Amino acid sequence: METAVTKTIDDLRSRGGLKGVDVANITKVSKATVTRWSAGSHSPQPRTQLMLSDLRYVVDKLAEFYGPDEIRLWLNARNDLLDGRRAIDLIHDGDTEIVLEAVERLGDLAYL
């Protein structure tokens, strides 16, 4: 059964190059739980749904600059635009705005 969560996870995989393990790492659940969400047999808690929504929004913004493999790397790697922090950690901690500010700076750098 396709739900909003299954569509979100599918989009994270196709547009963001993220794997089930990446989604599991950011949401701090097991990979098996992500598989159940993908199958539509279970739904994440509301806070986790919000986190997935934020992640999808960030991936959509990054897709303006990068392909899926580069997006996955950008999210998982330490980043100078994030003061050496990783975007997935910030998103997990509810600091998505900091990540979005960094993505916006990518746009500014593109026009230099």
PDB file of N, CA and C in Angstrom:
ATOM      1  N   MET A   1       0.837  -1.176   0.000  1.00  0.00           N
ATOM      2  CA  MET A   1       0.000   0.000   0.000  1.00  0.00           C
ATOM      3  C   MET A   1       0.888   1.247   0.000  1.00  0.00           C
ATOM      4  N   GLU A   2       0.621   2.157  -0.922  1.00  0.00           N
ATOM      5  CA  GLU A   2       1.429   3.365  -1.016  1.00  0.00           C
ATOM      6  C   GLU A   2       0.829   4.455  -0.130  1.00  0.00           C
ATOM      7  N   THR A   3       1.658   4.969   0.737  1.00  0.00           N
ATOM      8  CA  THR A   3       1.262   6.030   1.655  1.00  0.00           C
ATOM      9  C   THR A   3       2.167   7.229   1.430  1.00  0.00           C
ATOM     10  N   ALA A   4       1.890   8.307   2.143  1.00  0.00           N
ATOM     11  CA  ALA A   4       2.750   9.486   2.046  1.00  0.00           C
ATOM     12  C   ALA A   4       4.169   9.143   2.492  1.00  0.00           C
ATOM     13  N   VAL A   5       4.285   8.285   3.497  1.00  0.00           N
ATOM     14  CA  VAL A   5       5.614   7.905   3.989  1.00  0.00           C
ATOM     15  C   VAL A   5       6.340   7.059   2.954  1.00  0.00           C
ATOM     16  N   THR A   6       5.655   6.116   2.320  1.00  0.00           N
ATOM     17  CA  THR A   6       6.317   5.291   1.302  1.00  0.00           C
ATOM     18  C   THR A   6       6.760   6.160   0.129  1.00  0.00           C
ATOM     19  N   LYS A   7       5.932   7.124  -0.255  1.00  0.00           N
ATOM     20  CA  LYS A   7       6.313   8.036  -1.335  1.00  0.00           C
ATOM     21  C   LYS A   7       7.525   8.870  -0.946  1.00  0.00           C
ATOM     22  N   THR A   8       7.557   9.317   0.304  1.00  0.00           N
ATOM     23  CA  THR A   8       8.693  10.108   0.782  1.00  0.00           C
ATOM     24  C   THR A   8       9.973   9.292   0.742  1.00  0.00           C
ATOM     25  N   ILE A   9       9.913   8.068   1.236  1.00  0.00           N
ATOM     26  CA  ILE A   9      11.115   7.223   1.251  1.00  0.00           C
ATOM     27  C   ILE A   9      11.547   6.890  -0.170  1.00  0.00           C
ATOM     28  N   ASP A  10      10.597   6.602  -1.056  1.00  0.00           N
ATOM     29  CA  ASP A  10      10.941   6.353  -2.460  1.00  0.00           C
ATOM     30  C   ASP A  10      11.626   7.567  -3.075  1.00  0.00           C
ATOM     31  N   ASP A  11      11.119   8.752  -2.754  1.00  0.00           N
ATOM     32  CA  ASP A  11      11.706   9.984  -3.292  1.00  0.00           C
ATOM     33  C   ASP A  11      13.107  10.204  -2.731  1.00  0.00           C
ATOM     34  N   LEU A  12      13.300   9.909  -1.446  1.00  0.00           N
ATOM     35  CA  LEU A  12      14.629  10.042  -0.851  1.00  0.00           C
ATOM     36  C   LEU A  12      15.621   9.108  -1.530  1.00  0.00           C
ATOM     37  N   ARG A  13      15.154   7.939  -1.924  1.00  0.00           N
ATOM     38  CA  ARG A  13      16.025   6.983  -2.620  1.00  0.00           C
ATOM     39  C   ARG A  13      16.329   7.453  -4.036  1.00  0.00           C
ATOM     40  N   SER A  14      15.306   7.861  -4.765  1.00  0.00           N
ATOM     41  CA  SER A  14      15.521   8.206  -6.172  1.00  0.00           C
ATOM     42  C   SER A  14      16.188   9.567  -6.348  1.00  0.00           C
ATOM     43  N   ARG A  15      15.709  10.579  -5.668  1.00  0.00           N
ATOM     44  CA  ARG A  15      16.265  11.924  -5.843  1.00  0.00           C
ATOM     45  C   ARG A  15      17.502  12.174  -5.004  1.00  0.00           C
ATOM     46  N   GLY A  16      17.519  11.563  -3.790  1.00  0.00           N
ATOM     47  CA  GLY A  16      18.613  11.836  -2.872  1.00  0.00           C
ATOM     48  C   GLY A  16      19.674  10.768  -2.812  1.00  0.00           C
ATOM     49  N   GLY A  17      19.450   9.658  -3.522  1.00  0.00           N
ATOM     50  CA  GLY A  17      20.431   8.578  -3.512  1.00  0.00           C
ATOM     51  C   GLY A  17      20.556   7.890  -2.164  1.00  0.00           C
ATOM     52  N   LEU A  18      19.606   8.132  -1.269  1.00  0.00           N
ATOM     53  CA  LEU A  18      19.690   7.557   0.071  1.00  0.00           C
ATOM     54  C   LEU A  18      19.249   6.104   0.070  1.00  0.00           C
ATOM     55  N   LYS A  19      19.893   5.338   0.896  1.00  0.00           N
ATOM     56  CA  LYS A  19      19.571   3.927   1.064  1.00  0.00           C
ATOM     57  C   LYS A  19      18.779   3.774   2.355  1.00  0.00           C
ATOM     58  N   GLY A  20      18.195   2.601   2.532  1.00  0.00           N
ATOM     59  CA  GLY A  20      17.445   2.347   3.757  1.00  0.00           C
ATOM     60  C   GLY A  20      18.273   2.579   5.002  1.00  0.00           C
ATOM     61  N   VAL A  21      19.551   2.211   4.934  1.00  0.00           N
ATOM     62  CA  VAL A  21      20.431   2.398   6.088  1.00  0.00           C
ATOM     63  C   VAL A  21      20.635   3.882   6.394  1.00  0.00           C
ATOM     64  N   ASP A  22      20.641   4.737   5.368  1.00  0.00           N
ATOM     65  CA  ASP A  22      20.777   6.174   5.590  1.00  0.00           C
ATOM     66  C   ASP A  22      19.552   6.721   6.320  1.00  0.00           C
ATOM     67  N   VAL A  23      18.378   6.304   5.865  1.00  0.00           N
ATOM     68  CA  VAL A  23      17.139   6.737   6.513  1.00  0.00           C
ATOM     69  C   VAL A  23      17.096   6.216   7.944  1.00  0.00           C
ATOM     70  N   ALA A  24      17.542   4.978   8.133  1.00  0.00           N
ATOM     71  CA  ALA A  24      17.591   4.404   9.485  1.00  0.00           C
ATOM     72  C   ALA A  24      18.541   5.198  10.379  1.00  0.00           C
ATOM     73  N   ASN A  25      19.691   5.578   9.850  1.00  0.00           N
ATOM     74  CA  ASN A  25      20.667   6.333  10.639  1.00  0.00           C
ATOM     75  C   ASN A  25      20.129   7.702  11.052  1.00  0.00           C
ATOM     76  N   ILE A  26      19.481   8.395  10.139  1.00  0.00           N
ATOM     77  CA  ILE A  26      18.998   9.736  10.477  1.00  0.00           C
ATOM     78  C   ILE A  26      17.827   9.686  11.443  1.00  0.00           C
ATOM     79  N   THR A  27      16.997   8.657  11.345  1.00  0.00           N
ATOM     80  CA  THR A  27      15.829   8.561  12.222  1.00  0.00           C
ATOM     81  C   THR A  27      16.111   7.759  13.479  1.00  0.00           C
ATOM     82  N   LYS A  28      17.303   7.162  13.542  1.00  0.00           N
ATOM     83  CA  LYS A  28      17.731   6.368  14.710  1.00  0.00           C
ATOM     84  C   LYS A  28      16.788   5.184  14.957  1.00  0.00           C
ATOM     85  N   VAL A  29      16.458   4.482  13.859  1.00  0.00           N
ATOM     86  CA  VAL A  29      15.694   3.236  13.943  1.00  0.00           C
ATOM     87  C   VAL A  29      16.469   2.164  13.189  1.00  0.00           C
ATOM     88  N   SER A  30      15.987   0.945  13.239  1.00  0.00           N
ATOM     89  CA  SER A  30      16.651  -0.135  12.517  1.00  0.00           C
ATOM     90  C   SER A  30      16.308  -0.068  11.031  1.00  0.00           C
ATOM     91  N   LYS A  31      17.164  -0.685  10.239  1.00  0.00           N
ATOM     92  CA  LYS A  31      16.903  -0.762   8.798  1.00  0.00           C
ATOM     93  C   LYS A  31      15.612  -1.538   8.538  1.00  0.00           C
ATOM     94  N   ALA A  32      15.332  -2.545   9.366  1.00  0.00           N
ATOM     95  CA  ALA A  32      14.095  -3.324   9.223  1.00  0.00           C
ATOM     96  C   ALA A  32      12.856  -2.441   9.415  1.00  0.00           C
ATOM     97  N   THR A  33      12.950  -1.484  10.326  1.00  0.00           N
ATOM     98  CA  THR A  33      11.827  -0.559  10.538  1.00  0.00           C
ATOM     99  C   THR A  33      11.590   0.281   9.290  1.00  0.00           C
ATOM    100  N   VAL A  34      12.666   0.751   8.679  1.00  0.00           N
ATOM    101  CA  VAL A  34      12.538   1.541   7.443  1.00  0.00           C
ATOM    102  C   VAL A  34      11.916   0.673   6.342  1.00  0.00           C
ATOM    103  N   THR A  35      12.294  -0.588   6.286  1.00  0.00           N
ATOM    104  CA  THR A  35      11.710  -1.504   5.307  1.00  0.00           C
ATOM    105  C   THR A  35      10.201  -1.639   5.527  1.00  0.00           C
ATOM    106  N   ARG A  36       9.775  -1.717   6.773  1.00  0.00           N
ATOM    107  CA  ARG A  36       8.338  -1.803   7.072  1.00  0.00           C
ATOM    108  C   ARG A  36       7.621  -0.517   6.670  1.00  0.00           C
ATOM    109  N   TRP A  37       8.273   0.641   6.903  1.00  0.00           N
ATOM    110  CA  TRP A  37       7.684   1.902   6.465  1.00  0.00           C
ATOM    111  C   TRP A  37       7.551   1.926   4.952  1.00  0.00           C
ATOM    112  N   SER A  38       8.594   1.458   4.262  1.00  0.00           N
ATOM    113  CA  SER A  38       8.591   1.445   2.791  1.00  0.00           C
ATOM    114  C   SER A  38       7.497   0.550   2.244  1.00  0.00           C
ATOM    115  N   ALA A  39       7.228  -0.541   2.940  1.00  0.00           N
ATOM    116  CA  ALA A  39       6.187  -1.480   2.513  1.00  0.00           C
ATOM    117  C   ALA A  39       4.790  -0.983   2.862  1.00  0.00           C
ATOM    118  N   GLY A  40       4.713   0.035   3.702  1.00  0.00           N
ATOM    119  CA  GLY A  40       3.419   0.561   4.105  1.00  0.00           C
ATOM    120  C   GLY A  40       2.756  -0.232   5.215  1.00  0.00           C
ATOM    121  N   SER A  41       3.492  -1.168   5.814  1.00  0.00           N
ATOM    122  CA  SER A  41       2.892  -1.991   6.864  1.00  0.00           C
ATOM    123  C   SER A  41       2.966  -1.326   8.241  1.00  0.00           C
ATOM    124  N   HIS A  42       3.814  -0.329   8.400  1.00  0.00           N
ATOM    125  CA  HIS A  42       3.930   0.435   9.639  1.00  0.00           C
ATOM    126  C   HIS A  42       4.156   1.902   9.288  1.00  0.00           C
ATOM    127  N   SER A  43       3.872   2.759  10.248  1.00  0.00           N
ATOM    128  CA  SER A  43       4.112   4.194  10.064  1.00  0.00           C
ATOM    129  C   SER A  43       5.013   4.714  11.177  1.00  0.00           C
ATOM    130  N   PRO A  44       5.863   5.666  10.837  1.00  0.00           N
ATOM    131  CA  PRO A  44       6.713   6.256  11.873  1.00  0.00           C
ATOM    132  C   PRO A  44       5.900   7.141  12.828  1.00  0.00           C
ATOM    133  N   GLN A  45       6.491   7.409  13.966  1.00  0.00           N
ATOM    134  CA  GLN A  45       5.897   8.330  14.928  1.00  0.00           C
ATOM    135  C   GLN A  45       5.837   9.732  14.299  1.00  0.00           C
ATOM    136  N   PRO A  46       4.937  10.594  14.787  1.00  0.00           N
ATOM    137  CA  PRO A  46       4.807  11.942  14.203  1.00  0.00           C
ATOM    138  C   PRO A  46       6.112  12.727  14.144  1.00  0.00           C
ATOM    139  N   ARG A  47       6.946  12.662  15.198  1.00  0.00           N
ATOM    140  CA  ARG A  47       8.214  13.393  15.175  1.00  0.00           C
ATOM    141  C   ARG A  47       9.108  12.865  14.053  1.00  0.00           C
ATOM    142  N   THR A  48       9.100  11.565  13.848  1.00  0.00           N
ATOM    143  CA  THR A  48       9.913  10.955  12.801  1.00  0.00           C
ATOM    144  C   THR A  48       9.352  11.310  11.433  1.00  0.00           C
ATOM    145  N   GLN A  49       8.039  11.382  11.301  1.00  0.00           N
ATOM    146  CA  GLN A  49       7.439  11.810  10.037  1.00  0.00           C
ATOM    147  C   GLN A  49       7.869  13.229   9.694  1.00  0.00           C
ATOM    148  N   LEU A  50       7.920  14.082  10.698  1.00  0.00           N
ATOM    149  CA  LEU A  50       8.385  15.458  10.478  1.00  0.00           C
ATOM    150  C   LEU A  50       9.840  15.469  10.033  1.00  0.00           C
ATOM    151  N   MET A  51      10.652  14.632  10.655  1.00  0.00           N
ATOM    152  CA  MET A  51      12.064  14.531  10.294  1.00  0.00           C
ATOM    153  C   MET A  51      12.209  14.074   8.835  1.00  0.00           C
ATOM    154  N   LEU A  52      11.425  13.077   8.438  1.00  0.00           N
ATOM    155  CA  LEU A  52      11.464  12.592   7.052  1.00  0.00           C
ATOM    156  C   LEU A  52      11.021  13.685   6.080  1.00  0.00           C
ATOM    157  N   SER A  53      10.019  14.440   6.474  1.00  0.00           N
ATOM    158  CA  SER A  53       9.545  15.547   5.642  1.00  0.00           C
ATOM    159  C   SER A  53      10.626  16.611   5.476  1.00  0.00           C
ATOM    160  N   ASP A  54      11.298  16.939   6.575  1.00  0.00           N
ATOM    161  CA  ASP A  54      12.405  17.908   6.503  1.00  0.00           C
ATOM    162  C   ASP A  54      13.526  17.392   5.610  1.00  0.00           C
ATOM    163  N   LEU A  55      13.858  16.128   5.771  1.00  0.00           N
ATOM    164  CA  LEU A  55      14.914  15.524   4.955  1.00  0.00           C
ATOM    165  C   LEU A  55      14.550  15.589   3.477  1.00  0.00           C
ATOM    166  N   ARG A  56      13.314  15.283   3.160  1.00  0.00           N
ATOM    167  CA  ARG A  56      12.875  15.344   1.764  1.00  0.00           C
ATOM    168  C   ARG A  56      12.977  16.767   1.219  1.00  0.00           C
ATOM    169  N   TYR A  57      12.622  17.744   2.029  1.00  0.00           N
ATOM    170  CA  TYR A  57      12.706  19.139   1.601  1.00  0.00           C
ATOM    171  C   TYR A  57      14.159  19.532   1.314  1.00  0.00           C
ATOM    172  N   VAL A  58      15.051  19.122   2.190  1.00  0.00           N
ATOM    173  CA  VAL A  58      16.474  19.408   1.988  1.00  0.00           C
ATOM    174  C   VAL A  58      16.972  18.725   0.720  1.00  0.00           C
ATOM    175  N   VAL A  59      16.580  17.477   0.509  1.00  0.00           N
ATOM    176  CA  VAL A  59      16.982  16.753  -0.703  1.00  0.00           C
ATOM    177  C   VAL A  59      16.466  17.481  -1.943  1.00  0.00           C
ATOM    178  N   ASP A  60      15.229  17.958  -1.907  1.00  0.00           N
ATOM    179  CA  ASP A  60      14.681  18.703  -3.048  1.00  0.00           C
ATOM    180  C   ASP A  60      15.519  19.944  -3.345  1.00  0.00           C
ATOM    181  N   LYS A  61      15.935  20.642  -2.300  1.00  0.00           N
ATOM    182  CA  LYS A  61      16.763  21.841  -2.496  1.00  0.00           C
ATOM    183  C   LYS A  61      18.157  21.474  -3.017  1.00  0.00           C
ATOM    184  N   LEU A  62      18.744  20.407  -2.481  1.00  0.00           N
ATOM    185  CA  LEU A  62      20.069  19.982  -2.940  1.00  0.00           C
ATOM    186  C   LEU A  62      20.037  19.489  -4.388  1.00  0.00           C
ATOM    187  N   ALA A  63      18.895  18.968  -4.821  1.00  0.00           N
ATOM    188  CA  ALA A  63      18.761  18.455  -6.188  1.00  0.00           C
ATOM    189  C   ALA A  63      18.918  19.569  -7.228  1.00  0.00           C
ATOM    190  N   GLU A  64      18.816  20.819  -6.795  1.00  0.00           N
ATOM    191  CA  GLU A  64      19.045  21.942  -7.702  1.00  0.00           C
ATOM    192  C   GLU A  64      20.530  22.069  -8.060  1.00  0.00           C
ATOM    193  N   PHE A  65      21.393  21.471  -7.234  1.00  0.00           N
ATOM    194  CA  PHE A  65      22.837  21.595  -7.415  1.00  0.00           C
ATOM    195  C   PHE A  65      23.542  20.273  -7.706  1.00  0.00           C
ATOM    196  N   TYR A  66      22.994  19.173  -7.187  1.00  0.00           N
ATOM    197  CA  TYR A  66      23.688  17.894  -7.217  1.00  0.00           C
ATOM    198  C   TYR A  66      22.806  16.760  -7.721  1.00  0.00           C
ATOM    199  N   GLY A  67      23.474  15.686  -8.141  1.00  0.00           N
ATOM    200  CA  GLY A  67      22.795  14.447  -8.465  1.00  0.00           C
ATOM    201  C   GLY A  67      22.629  13.606  -7.206  1.00  0.00           C
ATOM    202  N   PRO A  68      21.899  12.497  -7.303  1.00  0.00           N
ATOM    203  CA  PRO A  68      21.614  11.663  -6.128  1.00  0.00           C
ATOM    204  C   PRO A  68      22.840  11.205  -5.335  1.00  0.00           C
ATOM    205  N   ASP A  69      23.881  10.737  -6.010  1.00  0.00           N
ATOM    206  CA  ASP A  69      25.064  10.264  -5.289  1.00  0.00           C
ATOM    207  C   ASP A  69      25.760  11.396  -4.535  1.00  0.00           C
ATOM    208  N   GLU A  70      25.790  12.565  -5.155  1.00  0.00           N
ATOM    209  CA  GLU A  70      26.413  13.722  -4.511  1.00  0.00           C
ATOM    210  C   GLU A  70      25.580  14.208  -3.327  1.00  0.00           C
ATOM    211  N   ILE A  71      24.266  14.129  -3.460  1.00  0.00           N
ATOM    212  CA  ILE A  71      23.385  14.524  -2.356  1.00  0.00           C
ATOM    213  C   ILE A  71      23.623  13.620  -1.159  1.00  0.00           C
ATOM    214  N   ARG A  72      23.690  12.316  -1.404  1.00  0.00           N
ATOM    215  CA  ARG A  72      23.926  11.361  -0.308  1.00  0.00           C
ATOM    216  C   ARG A  72      25.237  11.689   0.396  1.00  0.00           C
ATOM    217  N   LEU A  73      26.262  11.945  -0.372  1.00  0.00           N
ATOM    218  CA  LEU A  73      27.558  12.283   0.208  1.00  0.00           C
ATOM    219  C   LEU A  73      27.478  13.593   0.989  1.00  0.00           C
ATOM    220  N   TRP A  74      26.845  14.614   0.433  1.00  0.00           N
ATOM    221  CA  TRP A  74      26.732  15.915   1.086  1.00  0.00           C
ATOM    222  C   TRP A  74      26.021  15.784   2.430  1.00  0.00           C
ATOM    223  N   LEU A  75      24.972  14.999   2.479  1.00  0.00           N
ATOM    224  CA  LEU A  75      24.204  14.826   3.718  1.00  0.00           C
ATOM    225  C   LEU A  75      24.995  14.080   4.791  1.00  0.00           C
ATOM    226  N   ASN A  76      25.822  13.135   4.380  1.00  0.00           N
ATOM    227  CA  ASN A  76      26.520  12.266   5.332  1.00  0.00           C
ATOM    228  C   ASN A  76      27.912  12.754   5.728  1.00  0.00           C
ATOM    229  N   ALA A  77      28.498  13.632   4.940  1.00  0.00           N
ATOM    230  CA  ALA A  77      29.872  14.084   5.196  1.00  0.00           C
ATOM    231  C   ALA A  77      29.892  15.331   6.086  1.00  0.00           C
ATOM    232  N   ARG A  78      30.991  15.503   6.782  1.00  0.00           N
ATOM    233  CA  ARG A  78      31.196  16.760   7.510  1.00  0.00           C
ATOM    234  C   ARG A  78      31.349  17.868   6.473  1.00  0.00           C
ATOM    235  N   ASN A  79      30.812  19.032   6.796  1.00  0.00           N
ATOM    236  CA  ASN A  79      30.723  20.075   5.797  1.00  0.00           C
ATOM    237  C   ASN A  79      31.189  21.406   6.381  1.00  0.00           C
ATOM    238  N   ASP A  80      32.050  22.092   5.655  1.00  0.00           N
ATOM    239  CA  ASP A  80      32.523  23.405   6.099  1.00  0.00           C
ATOM    240  C   ASP A  80      31.379  24.405   6.242  1.00  0.00           C
ATOM    241  N   LEU A  81      30.379  24.313   5.377  1.00  0.00           N
ATOM    242  CA  LEU A  81      29.238  25.222   5.466  1.00  0.00           C
ATOM    243  C   LEU A  81      28.404  24.981   6.720  1.00  0.00           C
ATOM    244  N   LEU A  82      28.629  23.841   7.358  1.00  0.00           N
ATOM    245  CA  LEU A  82      27.914  23.494   8.594  1.00  0.00           C
ATOM    246  C   LEU A  82      28.878  23.459   9.786  1.00  0.00           C
ATOM    247  N   ASP A  83      29.978  24.179   9.670  1.00  0.00           N
ATOM    248  CA  ASP A  83      30.993  24.229  10.728  1.00  0.00           C
ATOM    249  C   ASP A  83      31.505  22.846  11.106  1.00  0.00           C
ATOM    250  N   GLY A  84      31.719  22.013  10.093  1.00  0.00           N
ATOM    251  CA  GLY A  84      32.270  20.682  10.309  1.00  0.00           C
ATOM    252  C   GLY A  84      31.273  19.643  10.777  1.00  0.00           C
ATOM    253  N   ARG A  85      30.009  20.007  10.831  1.00  0.00           N
ATOM    254  CA  ARG A  85      28.976  19.053  11.254  1.00  0.00           C
ATOM    255  C   ARG A  85      28.383  18.343  10.033  1.00  0.00           C
ATOM    256  N   ARG A  86      27.643  17.288  10.282  1.00  0.00           N
ATOM    257  CA  ARG A  86      26.986  16.532   9.217  1.00  0.00           C
ATOM    258  C   ARG A  86      25.514  16.929   9.147  1.00  0.00           C
ATOM    259  N   ALA A  87      25.012  17.115   7.936  1.00  0.00           N
ATOM    260  CA  ALA A  87      23.621  17.533   7.752  1.00  0.00           C
ATOM    261  C   ALA A  87      22.642  16.541   8.372  1.00  0.00           C
ATOM    262  N   ILE A  88      22.916  15.237   8.237  1.00  0.00           N
ATOM    263  CA  ILE A  88      21.960  14.268   8.779  1.00  0.00           C
ATOM    264  C   ILE A  88      21.851  14.384  10.297  1.00  0.00           C
ATOM    265  N   ASP A  89      22.937  14.715  10.965  1.00  0.00           N
ATOM    266  CA  ASP A  89      22.880  14.889  12.418  1.00  0.00           C
ATOM    267  C   ASP A  89      22.055  16.119  12.790  1.00  0.00           C
ATOM    268  N   LEU A  90      22.250  17.184  12.049  1.00  0.00           N
ATOM    269  CA  LEU A  90      21.495  18.413  12.315  1.00  0.00           C
ATOM    270  C   LEU A  90      20.007  18.210  12.066  1.00  0.00           C
ATOM    271  N   ILE A  91      19.671  17.525  10.987  1.00  0.00           N
ATOM    272  CA  ILE A  91      18.260  17.264  10.692  1.00  0.00           C
ATOM    273  C   ILE A  91      17.658  16.399  11.795  1.00  0.00           C
ATOM    274  N   HIS A  92      18.391  15.389  12.223  1.00  0.00           N
ATOM    275  CA  HIS A  92      17.892  14.530  13.306  1.00  0.00           C
ATOM    276  C   HIS A  92      17.638  15.337  14.576  1.00  0.00           C
ATOM    277  N   ASP A  93      18.509  16.294  14.857  1.00  0.00           N
ATOM    278  CA  ASP A  93      18.392  17.088  16.078  1.00  0.00           C
ATOM    279  C   ASP A  93      17.384  18.231  15.953  1.00  0.00           C
ATOM    280  N   GLY A  94      16.713  18.320  14.797  1.00  0.00           N
ATOM    281  CA  GLY A  94      15.712  19.367  14.609  1.00  0.00           C
ATOM    282  C   GLY A  94      16.280  20.693  14.146  1.00  0.00           C
ATOM    283  N   ASP A  95      17.524  20.696  13.701  1.00  0.00           N
ATOM    284  CA  ASP A  95      18.179  21.919  13.236  1.00  0.00           C
ATOM    285  C   ASP A  95      18.204  22.012  11.707  1.00  0.00           C
ATOM    286  N   THR A  96      17.098  21.685  11.097  1.00  0.00           N
ATOM    287  CA  THR A  96      17.006  21.691   9.632  1.00  0.00           C
ATOM    288  C   THR A  96      17.252  23.080   9.063  1.00  0.00           C
ATOM    289  N   GLU A  97      16.862  24.117   9.801  1.00  0.00           N
ATOM    290  CA  GLU A  97      17.054  25.487   9.304  1.00  0.00           C
ATOM    291  C   GLU A  97      18.526  25.788   9.054  1.00  0.00           C
ATOM    292  N   ILE A  98      19.405  25.268   9.897  1.00  0.00           N
ATOM    293  CA  ILE A  98      20.846  25.471   9.708  1.00  0.00           C
ATOM    294  C   ILE A  98      21.287  24.825   8.398  1.00  0.00           C
ATOM    295  N   VAL A  99      20.762  23.633   8.121  1.00  0.00           N
ATOM    296  CA  VAL A  99      21.097  22.927   6.878  1.00  0.00           C
ATOM    297  C   VAL A  99      20.577  23.714   5.680  1.00  0.00           C
ATOM    298  N   LEU A 100      19.355  24.210   5.779  1.00  0.00           N
ATOM    299  CA  LEU A 100      18.779  24.966   4.664  1.00  0.00           C
ATOM    300  C   LEU A 100      19.540  26.266   4.406  1.00  0.00           C
ATOM    301  N   GLU A 101      20.039  26.884   5.453  1.00  0.00           N
ATOM    302  CA  GLU A 101      20.868  28.086   5.276  1.00  0.00           C
ATOM    303  C   GLU A 101      22.150  27.733   4.516  1.00  0.00           C
ATOM    304  N   ALA A 102      22.730  26.577   4.824  1.00  0.00           N
ATOM    305  CA  ALA A 102      23.937  26.132   4.117  1.00  0.00           C
ATOM    306  C   ALA A 102      23.633  25.855   2.649  1.00  0.00           C
ATOM    307  N   VAL A 103      22.495  25.236   2.379  1.00  0.00           N
ATOM    308  CA  VAL A 103      22.097  24.960   0.993  1.00  0.00           C
ATOM    309  C   VAL A 103      21.890  26.269   0.253  1.00  0.00           C
ATOM    310  N   GLU A 104      21.309  27.248   0.925  1.00  0.00           N
ATOM    311  CA  GLU A 104      21.111  28.553   0.297  1.00  0.00           C
ATOM    312  C   GLU A 104      22.461  29.194  -0.044  1.00  0.00           C
ATOM    313  N   ARG A 105      23.455  28.997   0.831  1.00  0.00           N
ATOM    314  CA  ARG A 105      24.801  29.511   0.539  1.00  0.00           C
ATOM    315  C   ARG A 105      25.412  28.823  -0.656  1.00  0.00           C
ATOM    316  N   LEU A 106      25.035  27.558  -0.890  1.00  0.00           N
ATOM    317  CA  LEU A 106      25.499  26.879  -2.110  1.00  0.00           C
ATOM    318  C   LEU A 106      25.051  27.643  -3.336  1.00  0.00           C
ATOM    319  N   GLY A 107      23.819  28.108  -3.304  1.00  0.00           N
ATOM    320  CA  GLY A 107      23.297  28.913  -4.414  1.00  0.00           C
ATOM    321  C   GLY A 107      24.068  30.194  -4.590  1.00  0.00           C
ATOM    322  N   ASP A 108      24.417  30.836  -3.481  1.00  0.00           N
ATOM    323  CA  ASP A 108      25.202  32.061  -3.543  1.00  0.00           C
ATOM    324  C   ASP A 108      26.583  31.796  -4.135  1.00  0.00           C
ATOM    325  N   LEU A 109      27.199  30.656  -3.750  1.00  0.00           N
ATOM    326  CA  LEU A 109      28.516  30.300  -4.266  1.00  0.00           C
ATOM    327  C   LEU A 109      28.465  29.979  -5.755  1.00  0.00           C
ATOM    328  N   ALA A 110      27.344  29.476  -6.231  1.00  0.00           N
ATOM    329  CA  ALA A 110      27.211  29.110  -7.640  1.00  0.00           C
ATOM    330  C   ALA A 110      27.277  30.326  -8.551  1.00  0.00           C
ATOM    331  N   TYR A 111      26.956  31.503  -7.994  1.00  0.00           N
ATOM    332  CA  TYR A 111      26.934  32.698  -8.819  1.00  0.00           C
ATOM    333  C   TYR A 111      28.184  33.553  -8.676  1.00  0.00           C
ATOM    334  N   LEU A 112      29.188  33.048  -7.969  1.00  0.00           N
ATOM    335  CA  LEU A 112      30.432  33.814  -7.831  1.00  0.00           C
ATOM    336  C   LEU A 112      31.279  33.708  -9.063  1.00  0.00           C
TER     337      LEU A 112
END
